[in-house]
Amino acid sequence: MVNHSIRITGIVNGVLQLSDNGITNVDPGDTVTWSISPNSGVASITGIVDNSQIDIFNPDPAVQGNGSWMGTVNSSIARGSEENYTINYTTSSNEAGTFDPKIKVNPLMN
């Protein structure tokens, strides 16, 4: 199992800039960690919401002691699945925002 570390590096025209360009390729059981780079314009992550129909994360992402968030990809998720999820955040100027990146579950290798 692999940990995929995603850094929020900025905001351009209301769109979060992520270190993985908004698409994370995972395997079932992998973990995903979201953190904020200094001077990104993002003050905090206020939630990571799995609004998909296939339950991408199990357990759901939760805040860690250092302000980052971590979630585990559902170990029984079908390979080849892909879904959006939502990052809720607050900007440095105290405005609320949302962004919908994508999780792609790697297909089985032949």
C-alpha atoms as a PDB file:
ATOM      1  CA  MET A   1       0.000   0.000   0.000  1.00  0.00           C
ATOM      2  CA  VAL A   2       1.192   3.440  -0.945  1.00  0.00           C
ATOM      3  CA  ASN A   3       0.618   6.890   0.547  1.00  0.00           C
ATOM      4  CA  HIS A   4      -0.195   9.511  -2.083  1.00  0.00           C
ATOM      5  CA  SER A   5       0.785  12.934  -0.773  1.00  0.00           C
ATOM      6  CA  ILE A   6      -1.138  15.785  -2.414  1.00  0.00           C
ATOM      7  CA  ARG A   7      -0.049  19.360  -1.736  1.00  0.00           C
ATOM      8  CA  ILE A   8      -2.285  22.358  -2.341  1.00  0.00           C
ATOM      9  CA  THR A   9       0.142  24.783  -3.960  1.00  0.00           C
ATOM     10  CA  GLY A  10      -2.108  27.710  -4.901  1.00  0.00           C
ATOM     11  CA  ILE A  11      -5.393  29.065  -6.198  1.00  0.00           C
ATOM     12  CA  VAL A  12      -5.776  30.356  -9.771  1.00  0.00           C
ATOM     13  CA  ASN A  13      -9.110  31.933 -10.738  1.00  0.00           C
ATOM     14  CA  GLY A  14     -10.849  30.092  -7.902  1.00  0.00           C
ATOM     15  CA  VAL A  15      -9.364  26.709  -8.860  1.00  0.00           C
ATOM     16  CA  LEU A  16      -7.076  24.882  -6.437  1.00  0.00           C
ATOM     17  CA  GLN A  17      -3.678  23.978  -7.821  1.00  0.00           C
ATOM     18  CA  LEU A  18      -2.701  20.498  -6.651  1.00  0.00           C
ATOM     19  CA  SER A  19       0.667  18.763  -6.872  1.00  0.00           C
ATOM     20  CA  ASP A  20      -0.962  15.889  -8.802  1.00  0.00           C
ATOM     21  CA  ASN A  21      -2.842  18.258 -11.154  1.00  0.00           C
ATOM     22  CA  GLY A  22      -6.177  17.184  -9.644  1.00  0.00           C
ATOM     23  CA  ILE A  23      -6.031  13.522 -10.697  1.00  0.00           C
ATOM     24  CA  THR A  24      -4.768  10.905  -8.227  1.00  0.00           C
ATOM     25  CA  ASN A  25      -4.066   7.365  -9.473  1.00  0.00           C
ATOM     26  CA  VAL A  26      -4.443   4.850  -6.635  1.00  0.00           C
ATOM     27  CA  ASP A  27      -4.844   1.189  -5.797  1.00  0.00           C
ATOM     28  CA  PRO A  28      -7.424  -0.213  -3.352  1.00  0.00           C
ATOM     29  CA  GLY A  29      -6.182   0.194   0.226  1.00  0.00           C
ATOM     30  CA  ASP A  30      -3.794   3.080  -0.566  1.00  0.00           C
ATOM     31  CA  THR A  31      -3.868   6.193   1.609  1.00  0.00           C
ATOM     32  CA  VAL A  32      -4.156   9.770   0.380  1.00  0.00           C
ATOM     33  CA  THR A  33      -2.823  12.722   2.383  1.00  0.00           C
ATOM     34  CA  TRP A  34      -3.705  16.334   1.598  1.00  0.00           C
ATOM     35  CA  SER A  35      -1.618  19.223   2.930  1.00  0.00           C
ATOM     36  CA  ILE A  36      -1.267  22.952   2.249  1.00  0.00           C
ATOM     37  CA  SER A  37       1.938  24.539   0.974  1.00  0.00           C
ATOM     38  CA  PRO A  38       3.003  27.804   2.601  1.00  0.00           C
ATOM     39  CA  ASN A  39       1.929  30.955   0.706  1.00  0.00           C
ATOM     40  CA  SER A  40      -0.626  28.974  -1.326  1.00  0.00           C
ATOM     41  CA  GLY A  41      -3.504  31.310  -0.470  1.00  0.00           C
ATOM     42  CA  VAL A  42      -5.277  28.481   1.361  1.00  0.00           C
ATOM     43  CA  ALA A  43      -5.578  28.871   5.131  1.00  0.00           C
ATOM     44  CA  SER A  44      -7.165  25.511   5.926  1.00  0.00           C
ATOM     45  CA  ILE A  45      -8.906  22.442   4.596  1.00  0.00           C
ATOM     46  CA  THR A  46     -12.335  22.313   6.222  1.00  0.00           C
ATOM     47  CA  GLY A  47     -13.437  18.975   4.787  1.00  0.00           C
ATOM     48  CA  ILE A  48     -12.774  16.222   2.263  1.00  0.00           C
ATOM     49  CA  VAL A  49     -16.136  14.902   1.115  1.00  0.00           C
ATOM     50  CA  ASP A  50     -16.692  11.628  -0.741  1.00  0.00           C
ATOM     51  CA  ASN A  51     -19.857  12.482  -2.663  1.00  0.00           C
ATOM     52  CA  SER A  52     -19.478   9.593  -5.090  1.00  0.00           C
ATOM     53  CA  GLN A  53     -21.875   6.704  -5.534  1.00  0.00           C
ATOM     54  CA  ILE A  54     -19.148   4.080  -5.136  1.00  0.00           C
ATOM     55  CA  ASP A  55     -17.723   5.039  -1.705  1.00  0.00           C
ATOM     56  CA  ILE A  56     -14.151   5.876  -2.695  1.00  0.00           C
ATOM     57  CA  PHE A  57     -12.848   6.270   0.852  1.00  0.00           C
ATOM     58  CA  ASN A  58     -13.280   3.873   3.759  1.00  0.00           C
ATOM     59  CA  PRO A  59     -12.770   5.177   6.336  1.00  0.00           C
ATOM     60  CA  ASP A  60     -13.648   8.697   5.202  1.00  0.00           C
ATOM     61  CA  PRO A  61     -10.864  11.308   5.185  1.00  0.00           C
ATOM     62  CA  ALA A  62     -10.229  12.980   8.539  1.00  0.00           C
ATOM     63  CA  VAL A  63      -8.101  15.837   9.797  1.00  0.00           C
ATOM     64  CA  GLN A  64      -4.736  14.903  11.311  1.00  0.00           C
ATOM     65  CA  GLY A  65      -2.973  16.623  14.197  1.00  0.00           C
ATOM     66  CA  ASN A  66      -0.844  18.787  11.904  1.00  0.00           C
ATOM     67  CA  GLY A  67      -3.805  20.191   9.912  1.00  0.00           C
ATOM     68  CA  SER A  68      -3.365  17.819   6.987  1.00  0.00           C
ATOM     69  CA  TRP A  69      -6.113  15.352   6.029  1.00  0.00           C
ATOM     70  CA  MET A  70      -5.790  11.628   5.373  1.00  0.00           C
ATOM     71  CA  GLY A  71      -8.147   9.067   3.861  1.00  0.00           C
ATOM     72  CA  THR A  72      -7.897   5.426   2.826  1.00  0.00           C
ATOM     73  CA  VAL A  73      -9.070   4.189  -0.553  1.00  0.00           C
ATOM     74  CA  ASN A  74     -11.810   1.594  -0.064  1.00  0.00           C
ATOM     75  CA  SER A  75     -10.081  -1.821  -0.207  1.00  0.00           C
ATOM     76  CA  SER A  76     -13.072  -3.343  -2.019  1.00  0.00           C
ATOM     77  CA  ILE A  77     -13.410  -0.627  -4.681  1.00  0.00           C
ATOM     78  CA  ALA A  78     -13.564  -1.915  -8.258  1.00  0.00           C
ATOM     79  CA  ARG A  79     -10.399  -1.465 -10.287  1.00  0.00           C
ATOM     80  CA  GLY A  80     -10.837   0.987 -13.130  1.00  0.00           C
ATOM     81  CA  SER A  81     -13.271   3.121 -11.088  1.00  0.00           C
ATOM     82  CA  GLU A  82     -12.946   6.870 -11.165  1.00  0.00           C
ATOM     83  CA  GLU A  83     -14.895   9.464  -9.254  1.00  0.00           C
ATOM     84  CA  ASN A  84     -14.718  13.062  -8.149  1.00  0.00           C
ATOM     85  CA  TYR A  85     -14.638  14.093  -4.504  1.00  0.00           C
ATOM     86  CA  THR A  86     -14.770  17.548  -2.925  1.00  0.00           C
ATOM     87  CA  ILE A  87     -12.144  19.533  -1.037  1.00  0.00           C
ATOM     88  CA  ASN A  88     -13.733  22.251   1.107  1.00  0.00           C
ATOM     89  CA  TYR A  89     -11.302  24.972   2.127  1.00  0.00           C
ATOM     90  CA  THR A  90     -10.905  28.477   3.509  1.00  0.00           C
ATOM     91  CA  THR A  91      -8.692  31.023   1.772  1.00  0.00           C
ATOM     92  CA  SER A  92      -6.180  33.274   3.501  1.00  0.00           C
ATOM     93  CA  SER A  93      -8.769  36.080   3.177  1.00  0.00           C
ATOM     94  CA  ASN A  94     -11.313  33.890   5.034  1.00  0.00           C
ATOM     95  CA  GLU A  95     -13.466  33.006   2.001  1.00  0.00           C
ATOM     96  CA  ALA A  96     -14.953  29.519   1.672  1.00  0.00           C
ATOM     97  CA  GLY A  97     -14.236  27.519  -1.460  1.00  0.00           C
ATOM     98  CA  THR A  98     -14.687  24.064  -2.940  1.00  0.00           C
ATOM     99  CA  PHE A  99     -12.788  22.060  -5.533  1.00  0.00           C
ATOM    100  CA  ASP A 100     -13.615  18.690  -7.106  1.00  0.00           C
ATOM    101  CA  PRO A 101     -10.513  16.666  -8.015  1.00  0.00           C
ATOM    102  CA  LYS A 102     -10.614  13.077  -9.276  1.00  0.00           C
ATOM    103  CA  ILE A 103      -9.519   9.698  -7.918  1.00  0.00           C
ATOM    104  CA  LYS A 104      -8.722   7.003 -10.506  1.00  0.00           C
ATOM    105  CA  VAL A 105      -8.313   3.404  -9.346  1.00  0.00           C
ATOM    106  CA  ASN A 106      -5.647   1.641 -11.388  1.00  0.00           C
ATOM    107  CA  PRO A 107      -6.865  -1.278 -13.521  1.00  0.00           C
ATOM    108  CA  LEU A 108      -5.359  -4.723 -13.007  1.00  0.00           C
ATOM    109  CA  MET A 109      -2.109  -5.215 -14.841  1.00  0.00           C
ATOM    110  CA  ASN A 110      -1.931  -8.087 -17.323  1.00  0.00           C
END
